[in-house]
Amino acid sequence: MAVANNYTVLNVDDNEAGRYAKSRVLQRAVYRVVEAATGAAALQLVTEVRPELILLDVKLPDIDGLDVCRAIKNNPASAAIMILQISAFQVTAADRVRSLESGADGYLTEPVEAEELIATARALLRLYERERENRRLLAELAASEAQFRASFESTSVGMCQAEPVTGRILKANRCFCQMVGF
């Protein structure tokens, strides 16, 4: 499944040179890139821009990147945004585990090759698309279920749902109950 490149990526890094380099790589891959140098700016841009993917430095000058990640993932309005944490300093397995446990969807250590950054971004955006489709399908299913329930309850025909083997009635509408004297 190819990922269309009409996505917005929020690149959060306090290191101007590193932020610039990653932004150019992503822009060459035809992503729209918005930048932030602090955790506070990132949190503000999340609500203003609604990116699909965030490249999030772990070490920020104002708010720890893990806390920024938690704040984004704990907010229902932004929880679906994919977060790729990146660090040049916190590179141990324990650091990666801490990041993933805080809600990050991926973790890379710097220096990161351009191809690896683009491939990881594409993989996370494919996941984002699948999750968005699943949410859409679940919403459609819930609407269909609600419509069925309303029809089941309001129909003037007696209806019930019974277990196939025992015949035990699981659900019955009002008309059915009146018909059988319940």
Protein backbone atom coordinates (compact mmCIF):
# COMPACT_ATOMS: atom_id res chain seq x y z
CA MET A 1 0.00 0.00 0.00
CA ALA A 2 1.61 3.24 -1.10
CA VAL A 3 1.33 6.18 1.22
CA ALA A 4 0.34 9.46 -0.40
CA ASN A 5 2.68 12.27 0.56
CA ASN A 6 0.07 14.85 1.47
CA TYR A 7 0.82 14.45 5.16
CA THR A 8 1.98 17.03 7.65
CA VAL A 9 4.98 16.16 9.80
CA LEU A 10 5.81 18.15 12.92
CA ASN A 11 9.58 18.13 13.43
CA VAL A 12 10.43 18.96 17.06
CA ASP A 13 14.12 19.44 17.84
CA ASP A 14 15.93 22.15 19.78
CA ASN A 15 19.08 21.61 17.68
CA GLU A 16 18.56 23.97 14.75
CA ALA A 17 21.00 22.19 12.42
CA GLY A 18 19.53 18.76 13.14
CA ARG A 19 15.98 20.06 12.76
CA TYR A 20 16.90 21.71 9.45
CA ALA A 21 18.53 18.53 8.09
CA LYS A 22 15.58 16.26 9.00
CA SER A 23 13.07 18.78 7.66
CA ARG A 24 14.86 18.94 4.29
CA VAL A 25 14.93 15.14 4.03
CA LEU A 26 11.18 15.00 4.71
CA GLN A 27 10.42 17.86 2.34
CA ARG A 28 12.33 16.09 -0.44
CA ALA A 29 10.04 13.13 0.22
CA VAL A 30 7.18 15.59 -0.43
CA TYR A 31 5.89 15.90 3.12
CA ARG A 32 4.66 19.20 4.48
CA VAL A 33 6.95 19.98 7.43
CA VAL A 34 6.22 22.26 10.36
CA GLU A 35 8.97 22.89 12.91
CA ALA A 36 9.19 23.52 16.65
CA ALA A 37 12.20 23.98 18.92
CA THR A 38 10.48 23.35 22.28
CA GLY A 39 7.99 21.00 23.85
CA ALA A 40 5.56 23.84 24.56
CA ALA A 41 5.65 24.97 20.92
CA ALA A 42 5.12 21.37 19.82
CA LEU A 43 2.04 20.95 22.03
CA GLN A 44 0.59 24.18 20.66
CA LEU A 45 1.26 23.15 17.04
CA VAL A 46 -0.33 19.74 17.61
CA THR A 47 -3.68 21.45 18.22
CA GLU A 48 -3.23 24.11 15.54
CA VAL A 49 -1.78 22.04 12.69
CA ARG A 50 -3.04 18.49 13.46
CA PRO A 51 -0.03 16.64 11.97
CA GLU A 52 -0.25 12.96 11.14
CA LEU A 53 3.33 12.31 12.27
CA ILE A 54 5.60 13.95 14.83
CA LEU A 55 9.39 13.60 14.89
CA LEU A 56 10.05 14.29 18.54
CA ASP A 57 13.48 14.82 20.08
CA VAL A 58 13.71 13.19 23.49
CA LYS A 59 15.85 15.95 25.01
CA LEU A 60 14.12 19.34 24.76
CA PRO A 61 15.02 22.54 26.65
CA ASP A 62 11.69 23.07 28.41
CA ILE A 63 9.72 19.82 28.63
CA ASP A 64 11.14 16.31 28.48
CA GLY A 65 10.27 14.69 25.14
CA LEU A 66 8.80 11.68 26.95
CA ASP A 67 6.39 14.00 28.77
CA VAL A 68 5.45 15.71 25.50
CA CYS A 69 4.78 12.27 24.03
CA ARG A 70 2.59 11.28 26.99
CA ALA A 71 0.63 14.54 26.79
CA ILE A 72 -0.10 13.99 23.09
CA LYS A 73 -1.05 10.34 23.49
CA ASN A 74 -3.19 10.95 26.60
CA ASN A 75 -5.30 13.55 24.81
CA PRO A 76 -8.14 11.90 22.85
CA ALA A 77 -7.98 14.68 20.26
CA SER A 78 -4.34 13.88 19.40
CA ALA A 79 -3.86 10.27 20.51
CA ALA A 80 -3.98 8.91 16.95
CA ILE A 81 -1.01 11.01 15.80
CA MET A 82 2.04 8.84 15.13
CA ILE A 83 5.11 9.81 17.16
CA LEU A 84 8.65 8.92 16.14
CA GLN A 85 11.07 9.78 18.91
CA ILE A 86 14.65 10.54 17.95
CA SER A 87 17.68 10.97 20.19
CA ALA A 88 21.42 11.36 19.86
CA PHE A 89 22.00 11.05 23.61
CA GLN A 90 19.52 8.52 24.95
CA VAL A 91 20.48 5.54 22.82
CA THR A 92 20.41 2.50 25.09
CA ALA A 93 17.79 -0.23 24.95
CA ALA A 94 16.39 1.07 28.25
CA ASP A 95 16.00 4.53 26.69
CA ARG A 96 14.12 3.09 23.71
CA VAL A 97 11.88 1.06 26.01
CA ARG A 98 11.10 4.14 28.12
CA SER A 99 10.21 6.05 24.98
CA LEU A 100 7.94 3.34 23.60
CA GLU A 101 6.31 2.91 27.02
CA SER A 102 5.57 6.64 27.08
CA GLY A 103 3.51 6.21 23.91
CA ALA A 104 5.96 6.65 21.03
CA ASP A 105 5.19 4.57 17.95
CA GLY A 106 8.82 4.31 16.92
CA TYR A 107 12.34 5.27 18.00
CA LEU A 108 15.47 6.12 16.04
CA THR A 109 18.93 7.10 17.22
CA GLU A 110 20.95 9.84 15.58
CA PRO A 111 22.70 10.11 13.32
CA VAL A 112 19.90 8.66 11.19
CA GLU A 113 20.30 8.01 7.47
CA ALA A 114 17.86 9.83 5.20
CA GLU A 115 16.56 6.57 3.73
CA GLU A 116 15.89 5.13 7.18
CA LEU A 117 14.05 8.27 8.28
CA ILE A 118 11.85 8.28 5.18
CA ALA A 119 11.17 4.53 5.37
CA THR A 120 10.24 4.78 9.06
CA ALA A 121 8.00 7.79 8.39
CA ARG A 122 6.26 5.89 5.58
CA ALA A 123 5.77 2.82 7.78
CA LEU A 124 4.25 4.88 10.58
CA LEU A 125 1.98 6.71 8.13
CA ARG A 126 0.79 3.38 6.71
CA LEU A 127 -0.07 2.38 10.27
CA TYR A 128 -1.81 5.74 10.77
CA GLU A 129 -3.93 5.11 7.65
CA ARG A 130 -4.90 1.61 8.78
CA GLU A 131 -5.88 2.86 12.23
CA ARG A 132 -7.89 5.71 10.69
CA GLU A 133 -9.70 3.21 8.46
CA ASN A 134 -10.38 0.96 11.47
CA ARG A 135 -11.83 3.91 13.41
CA ARG A 136 -14.04 4.75 10.42
CA LEU A 137 -15.25 1.16 10.13
CA LEU A 138 -15.95 0.96 13.86
CA ALA A 139 -17.98 4.18 13.68
CA GLU A 140 -19.97 2.78 10.75
CA LEU A 141 -20.55 -0.46 12.64
CA ALA A 142 -21.75 1.42 15.73
CA ALA A 143 -24.12 3.51 13.61
CA SER A 144 -25.44 0.39 11.90
CA GLU A 145 -25.93 -1.34 15.26
CA ALA A 146 -27.80 1.69 16.62
CA GLN A 147 -30.01 1.78 13.53
CA PHE A 148 -30.74 -1.94 13.86
CA ARG A 149 -31.59 -1.59 17.57
CA ALA A 150 -33.95 1.29 16.86
CA SER A 151 -35.68 -0.71 14.11
CA PHE A 152 -35.83 -3.84 16.25
CA GLU A 153 -37.41 -1.98 19.15
CA SER A 154 -39.84 0.16 17.17
CA THR A 155 -41.22 -2.31 14.66
CA SER A 156 -44.84 -3.43 14.94
CA VAL A 157 -43.78 -7.00 14.19
CA GLY A 158 -42.93 -9.25 17.12
CA MET A 159 -39.27 -10.17 16.98
CA CYS A 160 -36.86 -12.01 19.23
CA GLN A 161 -33.33 -13.32 19.20
CA ALA A 162 -32.88 -16.82 20.56
CA GLU A 163 -29.99 -19.23 21.12
CA PRO A 164 -29.93 -21.68 18.21
CA VAL A 165 -29.54 -24.87 20.26
CA THR A 166 -31.63 -24.23 23.37
CA GLY A 167 -34.13 -21.78 21.96
CA ARG A 168 -33.63 -19.59 25.01
CA ILE A 169 -34.73 -16.03 24.24
CA LEU A 170 -31.88 -13.54 24.47
CA LYS A 171 -33.67 -10.39 23.28
CA ALA A 172 -37.24 -9.56 22.44
CA ASN A 173 -38.92 -6.40 21.32
CA ARG A 174 -42.00 -4.96 23.00
CA CYS A 175 -44.40 -6.28 20.32
CA PHE A 176 -43.11 -9.85 20.81
CA CYS A 177 -43.46 -9.57 24.58
CA GLN A 178 -47.06 -8.41 24.19
CA MET A 179 -47.79 -11.26 21.77
CA VAL A 180 -46.59 -13.96 24.18
CA GLY A 181 -47.84 -12.26 27.35
CA PHE A 182 -44.54 -11.25 28.94
